[in-house]
């Protein structure tokens, strides 16, 4: 199990790195969108390529961020049901979900998405819009995104089984605070300290 947990930490590191890259893509999409709107209003110049790159970037954030969302445990979950389970049962439910739903879905999406990308690559498929972009990069996001999600699924499966076997922490525990909750707590303490100094 220690070797598998080391693999899990490596995968988590990769997902974190890609998640941070996805955050920068959001900034890029925002700047391109704002710049395109300003140029269109001021100079009456528009570009389909700028419009298309916005949704390419949005697709990249969505597809590449799936593994990071799984790592941070921010995906959709039916909390009012899972909160009634014991920690061990919650982890067994996740193990079942990963094996029965996540891995088969990722396999299907990669196996069906790769030929679409390959055909777009081979044909040099372009957007039908005037001044549009090539299509293969956005098609490539499907197999790459689901491969990254499956990879994070391996990491999460290792962590769930480690907890069940008593060799790791419960990553599904609601006792641990999220990054946002920790930041809110830190800001509240800072505001309280500032109020005390002001008095």
N, C-alpha and C. Protein backbone atom coordinates (compact mmCIF):
# COMPACT_ATOMS: atom_id res chain seq x y z
N UNK A 1 0.81 -1.21 0.00
CA UNK A 1 0.00 0.00 0.00
C UNK A 1 0.85 1.28 0.00
N UNK A 2 2.00 1.33 0.70
CA UNK A 2 2.80 2.57 0.65
C UNK A 2 3.21 2.96 -0.76
N UNK A 3 3.53 1.96 -1.60
CA UNK A 3 3.90 2.26 -2.98
C UNK A 3 2.70 2.84 -3.74
N UNK A 4 1.53 2.28 -3.51
CA UNK A 4 0.32 2.78 -4.17
C UNK A 4 -0.02 4.19 -3.69
N UNK A 5 0.19 4.45 -2.40
CA UNK A 5 -0.07 5.80 -1.88
C UNK A 5 0.92 6.81 -2.46
N UNK A 6 2.16 6.37 -2.72
CA UNK A 6 3.13 7.25 -3.40
C UNK A 6 2.67 7.57 -4.81
N UNK A 7 2.15 6.55 -5.51
CA UNK A 7 1.59 6.77 -6.85
C UNK A 7 0.42 7.74 -6.78
N UNK A 8 -0.43 7.58 -5.77
CA UNK A 8 -1.57 8.47 -5.59
C UNK A 8 -1.12 9.91 -5.40
N UNK A 9 -0.07 10.13 -4.60
CA UNK A 9 0.44 11.49 -4.39
C UNK A 9 1.00 12.08 -5.68
N UNK A 10 1.65 11.24 -6.49
CA UNK A 10 2.18 11.70 -7.77
C UNK A 10 1.04 12.13 -8.70
N UNK A 11 -0.01 11.31 -8.77
CA UNK A 11 -1.17 11.65 -9.60
C UNK A 11 -1.83 12.93 -9.09
N UNK A 12 -1.95 13.05 -7.77
CA UNK A 12 -2.55 14.27 -7.19
C UNK A 12 -1.74 15.51 -7.57
N UNK A 13 -0.42 15.36 -7.60
CA UNK A 13 0.44 16.48 -8.00
C UNK A 13 0.20 16.89 -9.45
N UNK A 14 0.05 15.89 -10.31
CA UNK A 14 -0.23 16.17 -11.73
C UNK A 14 -1.58 16.87 -11.87
N UNK A 15 -2.59 16.36 -11.17
CA UNK A 15 -3.92 16.97 -11.24
C UNK A 15 -3.92 18.39 -10.71
N UNK A 16 -3.16 18.63 -9.63
CA UNK A 16 -3.07 19.99 -9.07
C UNK A 16 -2.43 20.95 -10.07
N UNK A 17 -1.37 20.49 -10.71
CA UNK A 17 -0.68 21.31 -11.71
C UNK A 17 -1.61 21.66 -12.87
N UNK A 18 -2.34 20.67 -13.36
CA UNK A 18 -3.26 20.90 -14.48
C UNK A 18 -4.43 21.77 -14.03
N UNK A 19 -4.89 21.60 -12.79
CA UNK A 19 -5.96 22.45 -12.27
C UNK A 19 -5.54 23.90 -12.19
N UNK A 20 -4.29 24.15 -11.80
CA UNK A 20 -3.80 25.53 -11.75
C UNK A 20 -3.65 26.12 -13.15
N UNK A 21 -3.24 25.28 -14.10
CA UNK A 21 -3.17 25.72 -15.50
C UNK A 21 -4.57 26.11 -15.99
N UNK A 22 -5.56 25.30 -15.63
CA UNK A 22 -6.95 25.58 -16.05
C UNK A 22 -7.42 26.92 -15.50
N UNK A 23 -6.98 27.28 -14.30
CA UNK A 23 -7.36 28.58 -13.73
C UNK A 23 -6.80 29.72 -14.58
N UNK A 24 -5.59 29.57 -15.09
CA UNK A 24 -5.00 30.59 -15.96
C UNK A 24 -5.76 30.67 -17.29
N UNK A 25 -6.28 29.53 -17.74
CA UNK A 25 -7.06 29.54 -18.99
C UNK A 25 -8.34 30.35 -18.82
N UNK A 26 -8.90 30.35 -17.61
CA UNK A 26 -10.09 31.17 -17.34
C UNK A 26 -9.73 32.65 -17.49
N UNK A 27 -8.58 33.04 -16.95
CA UNK A 27 -8.13 34.42 -17.10
C UNK A 27 -7.92 34.76 -18.57
N UNK A 28 -7.29 33.86 -19.31
CA UNK A 28 -7.05 34.11 -20.74
C UNK A 28 -8.36 34.28 -21.49
N UNK A 29 -9.33 33.41 -21.20
CA UNK A 29 -10.64 33.51 -21.87
C UNK A 29 -11.31 34.84 -21.54
N UNK A 30 -11.20 35.27 -20.29
CA UNK A 30 -11.80 36.54 -19.87
C UNK A 30 -11.15 37.72 -20.58
N UNK A 31 -9.82 37.72 -20.64
CA UNK A 31 -9.12 38.83 -21.30
C UNK A 31 -9.41 38.87 -22.80
N UNK A 32 -9.45 37.71 -23.44
CA UNK A 32 -9.77 37.66 -24.87
C UNK A 32 -11.19 38.15 -25.11
N UNK A 33 -12.11 37.72 -24.27
CA UNK A 33 -13.51 38.14 -24.40
C UNK A 33 -13.64 39.65 -24.24
N UNK A 34 -13.00 40.19 -23.22
CA UNK A 34 -13.06 41.64 -22.98
C UNK A 34 -12.40 42.40 -24.12
N UNK A 35 -11.22 41.94 -24.54
CA UNK A 35 -10.52 42.61 -25.64
C UNK A 35 -11.31 42.58 -26.93
N UNK A 36 -11.93 41.44 -27.21
CA UNK A 36 -12.74 41.32 -28.42
C UNK A 36 -13.94 42.27 -28.38
N UNK A 37 -14.57 42.37 -27.22
CA UNK A 37 -15.73 43.27 -27.08
C UNK A 37 -15.31 44.73 -27.23
N UNK A 38 -14.18 45.10 -26.63
CA UNK A 38 -13.70 46.49 -26.71
C UNK A 38 -13.36 46.86 -28.15
N UNK A 39 -12.63 45.98 -28.83
CA UNK A 39 -12.23 46.25 -30.22
C UNK A 39 -13.47 46.35 -31.13
N UNK A 40 -14.45 45.49 -30.87
CA UNK A 40 -15.66 45.52 -31.69
C UNK A 40 -16.43 46.83 -31.48
N UNK A 41 -16.51 47.29 -30.23
CA UNK A 41 -17.25 48.52 -29.94
C UNK A 41 -16.51 49.78 -30.42
N UNK A 42 -15.19 49.81 -30.18
CA UNK A 42 -14.43 51.01 -30.53
C UNK A 42 -14.11 51.13 -32.02
N UNK A 43 -13.74 49.99 -32.63
CA UNK A 43 -13.27 50.05 -34.01
C UNK A 43 -14.16 49.31 -35.01
N UNK A 44 -15.26 48.73 -34.50
CA UNK A 44 -16.19 47.98 -35.34
C UNK A 44 -15.48 46.85 -36.10
N UNK A 45 -14.55 46.20 -35.40
CA UNK A 45 -13.81 45.08 -35.98
C UNK A 45 -14.15 43.83 -35.17
N UNK A 46 -14.53 42.77 -35.86
CA UNK A 46 -14.85 41.52 -35.18
C UNK A 46 -14.04 40.38 -35.76
N UNK A 47 -13.89 39.32 -35.00
CA UNK A 47 -13.12 38.18 -35.47
C UNK A 47 -13.75 36.90 -34.96
N UNK A 48 -14.09 36.00 -35.90
CA UNK A 48 -14.63 34.70 -35.49
C UNK A 48 -13.59 33.88 -34.74
N UNK A 49 -12.32 34.06 -35.08
CA UNK A 49 -11.30 33.28 -34.38
C UNK A 49 -11.24 33.66 -32.90
N UNK A 50 -11.43 34.94 -32.58
CA UNK A 50 -11.45 35.35 -31.17
C UNK A 50 -12.68 34.79 -30.45
N UNK A 51 -13.81 34.74 -31.15
CA UNK A 51 -15.00 34.15 -30.54
C UNK A 51 -14.81 32.66 -30.30
N UNK A 52 -14.22 31.99 -31.28
CA UNK A 52 -14.03 30.54 -31.14
C UNK A 52 -12.99 30.19 -30.10
N UNK A 53 -11.93 30.98 -29.99
CA UNK A 53 -10.89 30.66 -29.00
C UNK A 53 -11.47 30.76 -27.58
N UNK A 54 -12.49 31.60 -27.39
CA UNK A 54 -13.12 31.70 -26.08
C UNK A 54 -13.76 30.38 -25.69
N UNK A 55 -14.51 29.77 -26.63
CA UNK A 55 -15.15 28.51 -26.25
C UNK A 55 -14.16 27.36 -26.27
N UNK A 56 -13.06 27.46 -27.03
CA UNK A 56 -11.99 26.46 -26.94
C UNK A 56 -11.41 26.48 -25.52
N UNK A 57 -11.15 27.69 -25.02
CA UNK A 57 -10.57 27.81 -23.68
C UNK A 57 -11.55 27.34 -22.61
N UNK A 58 -12.84 27.66 -22.79
CA UNK A 58 -13.86 27.19 -21.85
C UNK A 58 -13.90 25.66 -21.86
N UNK A 59 -13.87 25.07 -23.06
CA UNK A 59 -13.86 23.61 -23.17
C UNK A 59 -12.62 23.02 -22.49
N UNK A 60 -11.47 23.69 -22.66
CA UNK A 60 -10.23 23.21 -22.03
C UNK A 60 -10.35 23.25 -20.51
N UNK A 61 -10.91 24.32 -19.97
CA UNK A 61 -11.08 24.43 -18.52
C UNK A 61 -11.99 23.31 -18.03
N UNK A 62 -13.09 23.10 -18.71
CA UNK A 62 -14.06 22.10 -18.30
C UNK A 62 -13.48 20.69 -18.40
N UNK A 63 -12.84 20.37 -19.53
CA UNK A 63 -12.34 19.02 -19.74
C UNK A 63 -11.09 18.73 -18.91
N UNK A 64 -10.18 19.67 -18.83
CA UNK A 64 -8.94 19.43 -18.11
C UNK A 64 -9.12 19.56 -16.60
N UNK A 65 -10.17 20.25 -16.17
CA UNK A 65 -10.39 20.48 -14.74
C UNK A 65 -11.14 19.37 -14.03
N UNK A 66 -11.61 18.36 -14.76
CA UNK A 66 -12.39 17.29 -14.14
C UNK A 66 -11.60 16.52 -13.08
N UNK A 67 -10.37 16.18 -13.40
CA UNK A 67 -9.54 15.46 -12.44
C UNK A 67 -9.24 16.29 -11.21
N UNK A 68 -9.00 17.60 -11.42
CA UNK A 68 -8.74 18.50 -10.29
C UNK A 68 -9.98 18.62 -9.40
N UNK A 69 -11.16 18.69 -10.02
CA UNK A 69 -12.40 18.75 -9.24
C UNK A 69 -12.58 17.48 -8.41
N UNK A 70 -12.23 16.34 -9.00
CA UNK A 70 -12.33 15.07 -8.26
C UNK A 70 -11.34 15.06 -7.10
N UNK A 71 -10.13 15.55 -7.34
CA UNK A 71 -9.11 15.63 -6.30
C UNK A 71 -9.61 16.47 -5.12
N UNK A 72 -10.22 17.61 -5.43
CA UNK A 72 -10.68 18.53 -4.38
C UNK A 72 -12.04 18.15 -3.82
N UNK A 73 -12.63 17.07 -4.36
CA UNK A 73 -13.92 16.56 -3.88
C UNK A 73 -15.03 17.60 -3.99
N UNK A 74 -15.03 18.32 -5.12
CA UNK A 74 -16.04 19.36 -5.31
C UNK A 74 -17.05 18.97 -6.39
N UNK A 75 -17.00 17.73 -6.82
CA UNK A 75 -17.98 17.27 -7.80
C UNK A 75 -19.34 17.08 -7.13
N UNK A 76 -20.37 16.90 -7.93
CA UNK A 76 -21.73 16.78 -7.39
C UNK A 76 -21.86 15.48 -6.59
N UNK A 77 -22.39 15.61 -5.40
CA UNK A 77 -22.59 14.46 -4.52
C UNK A 77 -23.90 14.68 -3.78
N UNK A 78 -24.62 13.61 -3.51
CA UNK A 78 -25.88 13.74 -2.78
C UNK A 78 -25.56 13.69 -1.28
N UNK A 79 -25.20 14.86 -0.74
CA UNK A 79 -24.68 14.93 0.62
C UNK A 79 -25.69 14.53 1.68
N UNK A 80 -26.97 14.84 1.45
CA UNK A 80 -27.93 14.54 2.51
C UNK A 80 -28.12 13.03 2.67
N UNK A 81 -27.73 12.25 1.66
CA UNK A 81 -27.77 10.79 1.80
C UNK A 81 -26.42 10.29 2.31
N UNK A 82 -25.33 10.72 1.66
CA UNK A 82 -24.00 10.21 2.04
C UNK A 82 -23.61 10.61 3.46
N UNK A 83 -24.14 11.73 3.96
CA UNK A 83 -23.79 12.16 5.32
C UNK A 83 -24.37 11.22 6.38
N UNK A 84 -25.38 10.43 6.01
CA UNK A 84 -25.99 9.50 6.96
C UNK A 84 -25.21 8.18 7.04
N UNK A 85 -24.29 7.96 6.08
CA UNK A 85 -23.49 6.73 6.07
C UNK A 85 -22.31 6.86 7.03
N UNK A 86 -21.82 5.71 7.48
CA UNK A 86 -20.58 5.70 8.25
C UNK A 86 -19.43 6.02 7.30
N UNK A 87 -18.29 6.47 7.83
CA UNK A 87 -17.14 6.76 6.95
C UNK A 87 -16.74 5.57 6.07
N UNK A 88 -16.76 4.38 6.63
CA UNK A 88 -16.39 3.19 5.84
C UNK A 88 -17.38 2.96 4.72
N UNK A 89 -18.67 3.07 5.01
CA UNK A 89 -19.70 2.87 3.98
C UNK A 89 -19.58 3.92 2.89
N UNK A 90 -19.33 5.18 3.28
CA UNK A 90 -19.15 6.25 2.29
C UNK A 90 -18.01 5.92 1.34
N UNK A 91 -16.93 5.42 1.88
CA UNK A 91 -15.78 5.08 1.05
C UNK A 91 -16.06 3.88 0.16
N UNK A 92 -16.81 2.89 0.68
CA UNK A 92 -17.18 1.75 -0.16
C UNK A 92 -18.10 2.19 -1.30
N UNK A 93 -19.01 3.11 -1.03
CA UNK A 93 -19.89 3.64 -2.08
C UNK A 93 -19.05 4.31 -3.17
N UNK A 94 -18.04 5.07 -2.75
CA UNK A 94 -17.16 5.73 -3.72
C UNK A 94 -16.36 4.70 -4.53
N UNK A 95 -15.87 3.66 -3.87
CA UNK A 95 -15.14 2.61 -4.58
C UNK A 95 -16.03 2.01 -5.67
N UNK A 96 -17.28 1.70 -5.29
CA UNK A 96 -18.23 1.16 -6.27
C UNK A 96 -18.49 2.13 -7.40
N UNK A 97 -18.67 3.41 -7.07
CA UNK A 97 -18.93 4.42 -8.09
C UNK A 97 -17.77 4.58 -9.06
N UNK A 98 -16.55 4.54 -8.52
CA UNK A 98 -15.37 4.68 -9.37
C UNK A 98 -15.25 3.49 -10.32
N UNK A 99 -15.43 2.27 -9.78
CA UNK A 99 -15.27 1.07 -10.59
C UNK A 99 -16.42 0.85 -11.58
N UNK A 100 -17.65 1.11 -11.13
CA UNK A 100 -18.82 0.77 -11.96
C UNK A 100 -19.20 1.91 -12.91
N UNK A 101 -19.01 3.15 -12.51
CA UNK A 101 -19.45 4.27 -13.34
C UNK A 101 -18.29 5.07 -13.95
N UNK A 102 -17.35 5.51 -13.11
CA UNK A 102 -16.31 6.41 -13.61
C UNK A 102 -15.39 5.77 -14.64
N UNK A 103 -14.80 4.62 -14.31
CA UNK A 103 -13.86 4.01 -15.23
C UNK A 103 -14.51 3.60 -16.56
N UNK A 104 -15.69 2.97 -16.54
CA UNK A 104 -16.33 2.65 -17.84
C UNK A 104 -16.66 3.90 -18.65
N UNK A 105 -17.13 4.97 -17.99
CA UNK A 105 -17.44 6.21 -18.70
C UNK A 105 -16.17 6.78 -19.35
N UNK A 106 -15.09 6.82 -18.58
CA UNK A 106 -13.84 7.36 -19.11
C UNK A 106 -13.35 6.51 -20.29
N UNK A 107 -13.46 5.20 -20.17
CA UNK A 107 -13.04 4.32 -21.27
C UNK A 107 -13.86 4.61 -22.53
N UNK A 108 -15.18 4.71 -22.37
CA UNK A 108 -16.04 4.98 -23.53
C UNK A 108 -15.71 6.33 -24.18
N UNK A 109 -15.53 7.35 -23.36
CA UNK A 109 -15.27 8.68 -23.90
C UNK A 109 -13.91 8.76 -24.59
N UNK A 110 -12.91 8.08 -24.04
CA UNK A 110 -11.59 8.08 -24.69
C UNK A 110 -11.65 7.28 -25.98
N UNK A 111 -12.26 6.09 -25.92
CA UNK A 111 -12.30 5.25 -27.12
C UNK A 111 -13.17 5.84 -28.22
N UNK A 112 -14.19 6.60 -27.86
CA UNK A 112 -15.03 7.23 -28.87
C UNK A 112 -14.49 8.60 -29.29
N UNK A 113 -13.79 9.28 -28.38
CA UNK A 113 -13.26 10.62 -28.68
C UNK A 113 -11.99 10.60 -29.51
N UNK A 114 -11.17 9.55 -29.35
CA UNK A 114 -9.91 9.51 -30.08
C UNK A 114 -10.11 9.48 -31.59
N UNK A 115 -11.01 8.64 -32.13
CA UNK A 115 -11.21 8.65 -33.59
C UNK A 115 -11.71 10.00 -34.11
N UNK A 116 -12.52 10.70 -33.34
CA UNK A 116 -13.01 12.02 -33.75
C UNK A 116 -11.83 12.98 -33.88
N UNK A 117 -10.95 12.96 -32.86
CA UNK A 117 -9.75 13.79 -32.92
C UNK A 117 -8.88 13.39 -34.11
N UNK A 118 -8.65 12.08 -34.28
CA UNK A 118 -7.77 11.59 -35.34
C UNK A 118 -8.29 11.99 -36.72
N UNK A 119 -9.60 11.87 -36.93
CA UNK A 119 -10.18 12.27 -38.22
C UNK A 119 -10.02 13.77 -38.46
N UNK A 120 -10.21 14.57 -37.40
CA UNK A 120 -10.05 16.02 -37.54
C UNK A 120 -8.59 16.37 -37.84
N UNK A 121 -7.67 15.65 -37.23
CA UNK A 121 -6.23 15.86 -37.44
C UNK A 121 -5.86 15.51 -38.88
N UNK A 122 -6.31 14.32 -39.31
CA UNK A 122 -5.96 13.84 -40.66
C UNK A 122 -6.56 14.72 -41.75
N UNK A 123 -7.80 15.14 -41.55
CA UNK A 123 -8.49 15.92 -42.59
C UNK A 123 -8.16 17.40 -42.54
N UNK A 124 -7.55 17.85 -41.43
CA UNK A 124 -7.29 19.28 -41.26
C UNK A 124 -8.58 20.06 -41.12
N UNK A 125 -9.56 19.44 -40.44
CA UNK A 125 -10.88 20.04 -40.29
C UNK A 125 -10.79 21.46 -39.74
N UNK A 126 -11.52 22.35 -40.40
CA UNK A 126 -11.55 23.76 -40.00
C UNK A 126 -12.97 24.14 -39.62
N UNK A 127 -13.09 25.21 -38.89
CA UNK A 127 -14.40 25.76 -38.56
C UNK A 127 -15.10 26.18 -39.85
N UNK A 128 -16.42 26.04 -39.88
CA UNK A 128 -17.17 26.47 -41.05
C UNK A 128 -17.36 27.99 -41.08
N UNK A 129 -17.03 28.66 -39.98
CA UNK A 129 -17.14 30.12 -39.92
C UNK A 129 -15.95 30.78 -40.61
N UNK A 130 -16.19 31.90 -41.26
CA UNK A 130 -15.11 32.64 -41.90
C UNK A 130 -14.10 33.08 -40.84
N UNK A 131 -12.82 32.80 -41.09
CA UNK A 131 -11.78 33.17 -40.13
C UNK A 131 -11.76 32.28 -38.91
N UNK A 132 -12.45 31.13 -38.98
CA UNK A 132 -12.50 30.22 -37.84
C UNK A 132 -11.21 29.44 -37.66
N UNK A 133 -11.17 28.66 -36.60
CA UNK A 133 -9.95 27.94 -36.21
C UNK A 133 -9.98 26.48 -36.65
N UNK A 134 -8.82 25.84 -36.57
CA UNK A 134 -8.77 24.40 -36.80
C UNK A 134 -9.48 23.71 -35.65
N UNK A 135 -10.03 22.53 -35.92
CA UNK A 135 -10.88 21.86 -34.93
C UNK A 135 -10.17 20.80 -34.09
N UNK A 136 -9.03 20.26 -34.58
CA UNK A 136 -8.46 19.13 -33.85
C UNK A 136 -8.07 19.44 -32.41
N UNK A 137 -7.60 20.66 -32.06
CA UNK A 137 -7.24 20.87 -30.64
C UNK A 137 -8.43 20.70 -29.69
N UNK A 138 -9.59 21.17 -30.11
CA UNK A 138 -10.75 21.05 -29.22
C UNK A 138 -11.25 19.61 -29.17
N UNK A 139 -11.11 18.86 -30.27
CA UNK A 139 -11.48 17.44 -30.26
C UNK A 139 -10.52 16.64 -29.38
N UNK A 140 -9.25 17.04 -29.34
CA UNK A 140 -8.25 16.35 -28.53
C UNK A 140 -8.56 16.46 -27.03
N UNK A 141 -9.26 17.53 -26.65
CA UNK A 141 -9.58 17.72 -25.24
C UNK A 141 -10.43 16.59 -24.68
N UNK A 142 -11.24 15.94 -25.51
CA UNK A 142 -12.13 14.89 -25.01
C UNK A 142 -11.32 13.68 -24.51
N UNK A 143 -10.49 13.05 -25.36
CA UNK A 143 -9.74 11.92 -24.82
C UNK A 143 -8.72 12.31 -23.74
N UNK A 144 -8.11 13.48 -23.87
CA UNK A 144 -7.13 13.91 -22.86
C UNK A 144 -7.83 14.18 -21.53
N UNK A 145 -8.94 14.90 -21.57
CA UNK A 145 -9.66 15.23 -20.34
C UNK A 145 -10.16 13.99 -19.61
N UNK A 146 -10.73 13.05 -20.35
CA UNK A 146 -11.24 11.84 -19.69
C UNK A 146 -10.11 10.91 -19.25
N UNK A 147 -8.97 10.95 -19.94
CA UNK A 147 -7.80 10.18 -19.47
C UNK A 147 -7.31 10.74 -18.14
N UNK A 148 -7.26 12.07 -18.03
CA UNK A 148 -6.84 12.69 -16.77
C UNK A 148 -7.82 12.40 -15.64
N UNK A 149 -9.12 12.39 -15.97
CA UNK A 149 -10.13 12.07 -14.97
C UNK A 149 -9.98 10.62 -14.51
N UNK A 150 -9.74 9.70 -15.44
CA UNK A 150 -9.53 8.29 -15.08
C UNK A 150 -8.27 8.15 -14.22
N UNK A 151 -7.22 8.90 -14.56
CA UNK A 151 -5.99 8.85 -13.78
C UNK A 151 -6.25 9.30 -12.35
N UNK A 152 -7.00 10.39 -12.19
CA UNK A 152 -7.34 10.84 -10.84
C UNK A 152 -8.24 9.83 -10.15
N UNK A 153 -9.08 9.14 -10.93
CA UNK A 153 -9.91 8.07 -10.38
C UNK A 153 -9.06 6.97 -9.76
N UNK A 154 -7.93 6.65 -10.39
CA UNK A 154 -7.01 5.65 -9.83
C UNK A 154 -6.50 6.14 -8.47
N UNK A 155 -6.11 7.40 -8.41
CA UNK A 155 -5.62 7.97 -7.16
C UNK A 155 -6.69 7.93 -6.07
N UNK A 156 -7.89 8.33 -6.43
CA UNK A 156 -8.98 8.35 -5.44
C UNK A 156 -9.34 6.93 -4.99
N UNK A 157 -9.29 5.97 -5.89
CA UNK A 157 -9.55 4.57 -5.55
C UNK A 157 -8.52 4.08 -4.54
N UNK A 158 -7.25 4.42 -4.78
CA UNK A 158 -6.19 4.03 -3.84
C UNK A 158 -6.45 4.63 -2.46
N UNK A 159 -6.83 5.92 -2.42
CA UNK A 159 -7.07 6.59 -1.13
C UNK A 159 -8.26 5.99 -0.40
N UNK A 160 -9.33 5.66 -1.14
CA UNK A 160 -10.51 5.06 -0.50
C UNK A 160 -10.16 3.69 0.09
N UNK A 161 -9.43 2.87 -0.70
CA UNK A 161 -9.07 1.54 -0.22
C UNK A 161 -8.08 1.62 0.95
N UNK A 162 -7.18 2.60 0.91
CA UNK A 162 -6.24 2.78 2.03
C UNK A 162 -7.00 3.08 3.32
N UNK A 163 -8.03 3.94 3.23
CA UNK A 163 -8.82 4.25 4.43
C UNK A 163 -9.55 3.02 4.92
N UNK A 164 -10.17 2.28 4.00
CA UNK A 164 -10.93 1.08 4.39
C UNK A 164 -10.02 0.06 5.07
N UNK A 165 -8.77 -0.03 4.60
CA UNK A 165 -7.81 -0.98 5.18
C UNK A 165 -7.11 -0.40 6.42
N UNK A 166 -7.47 0.84 6.81
CA UNK A 166 -6.88 1.45 8.00
C UNK A 166 -5.47 1.96 7.78
N UNK A 167 -5.13 2.28 6.53
CA UNK A 167 -3.77 2.73 6.23
C UNK A 167 -3.71 4.15 5.67
N UNK A 168 -4.80 4.88 5.80
CA UNK A 168 -4.81 6.25 5.29
C UNK A 168 -5.96 7.05 5.88
N UNK A 169 -5.92 8.37 5.70
CA UNK A 169 -6.99 9.22 6.24
C UNK A 169 -8.26 9.11 5.40
N UNK A 170 -9.36 9.57 5.98
CA UNK A 170 -10.64 9.60 5.26
C UNK A 170 -10.72 10.91 4.48
N UNK A 171 -10.48 10.84 3.18
CA UNK A 171 -10.50 12.06 2.36
C UNK A 171 -11.92 12.57 2.14
N UNK A 172 -12.91 11.76 2.49
CA UNK A 172 -14.31 12.19 2.37
C UNK A 172 -14.85 12.80 3.65
N UNK A 173 -14.00 12.88 4.67
CA UNK A 173 -14.45 13.40 5.95
C UNK A 173 -14.95 14.83 5.82
N UNK A 174 -16.08 15.10 6.43
CA UNK A 174 -16.64 16.46 6.40
C UNK A 174 -16.04 17.30 7.53
N UNK A 175 -15.19 16.68 8.35
CA UNK A 175 -14.56 17.43 9.44
C UNK A 175 -13.47 18.35 8.94
N UNK A 176 -12.86 18.00 7.80
CA UNK A 176 -11.79 18.84 7.27
C UNK A 176 -12.39 20.01 6.50
N UNK A 177 -11.79 21.17 6.65
CA UNK A 177 -12.29 22.37 5.99
C UNK A 177 -11.74 22.47 4.58
N UNK A 178 -12.56 22.98 3.67
CA UNK A 178 -12.11 23.20 2.30
C UNK A 178 -11.18 24.42 2.26
N UNK A 179 -10.50 24.60 1.14
CA UNK A 179 -9.60 25.75 0.98
C UNK A 179 -10.37 27.06 1.17
N UNK A 180 -11.58 27.11 0.63
CA UNK A 180 -12.41 28.31 0.73
C UNK A 180 -12.80 28.58 2.19
N UNK A 181 -13.16 27.50 2.92
CA UNK A 181 -13.54 27.67 4.33
C UNK A 181 -12.34 28.11 5.16
N UNK A 182 -11.17 27.55 4.86
CA UNK A 182 -9.96 27.97 5.57
C UNK A 182 -9.65 29.45 5.31
N UNK A 183 -9.81 29.89 4.06
CA UNK A 183 -9.57 31.29 3.71
C UNK A 183 -10.58 32.19 4.43
N UNK A 184 -11.85 31.80 4.45
CA UNK A 184 -12.87 32.59 5.14
C UNK A 184 -12.56 32.68 6.63
N UNK A 185 -12.12 31.58 7.21
CA UNK A 185 -11.77 31.57 8.63
C UNK A 185 -10.58 32.50 8.90
N UNK A 186 -9.59 32.44 8.01
CA UNK A 186 -8.40 33.30 8.14
C UNK A 186 -8.77 34.78 8.02
N UNK A 187 -9.63 35.10 7.06
CA UNK A 187 -10.06 36.50 6.88
C UNK A 187 -10.87 37.00 8.07
N UNK A 188 -11.70 36.12 8.62
CA UNK A 188 -12.49 36.51 9.80
C UNK A 188 -11.59 36.80 10.99
N UNK A 189 -10.56 35.95 11.17
CA UNK A 189 -9.62 36.19 12.27
C UNK A 189 -8.84 37.48 12.07
N UNK A 190 -8.45 37.75 10.83
CA UNK A 190 -7.72 38.98 10.52
C UNK A 190 -8.60 40.21 10.76
N UNK A 191 -9.87 40.13 10.36
CA UNK A 191 -10.78 41.26 10.58
C UNK A 191 -11.01 41.49 12.07
N UNK A 192 -11.12 40.40 12.81
CA UNK A 192 -11.30 40.52 14.24
C UNK A 192 -10.08 41.17 14.91
N UNK A 193 -8.89 40.78 14.44
CA UNK A 193 -7.64 41.35 14.98
C UNK A 193 -7.57 42.84 14.66
N UNK A 194 -7.98 43.24 13.45
CA UNK A 194 -7.97 44.65 13.07
C UNK A 194 -8.97 45.45 13.89
N UNK A 195 -10.14 44.87 14.16
CA UNK A 195 -11.15 45.54 15.00
C UNK A 195 -10.64 45.74 16.43
N UNK A 196 -9.91 44.76 16.93
CA UNK A 196 -9.35 44.86 18.28
C UNK A 196 -8.30 45.96 18.36
N UNK A 197 -7.46 46.07 17.32
CA UNK A 197 -6.42 47.12 17.28
C UNK A 197 -7.06 48.51 17.19
N UNK A 198 -8.16 48.62 16.43
CA UNK A 198 -8.83 49.91 16.26
C UNK A 198 -9.42 50.42 17.56
N UNK A 199 -9.82 49.53 18.44
CA UNK A 199 -10.39 49.92 19.72
C UNK A 199 -9.28 50.35 20.65
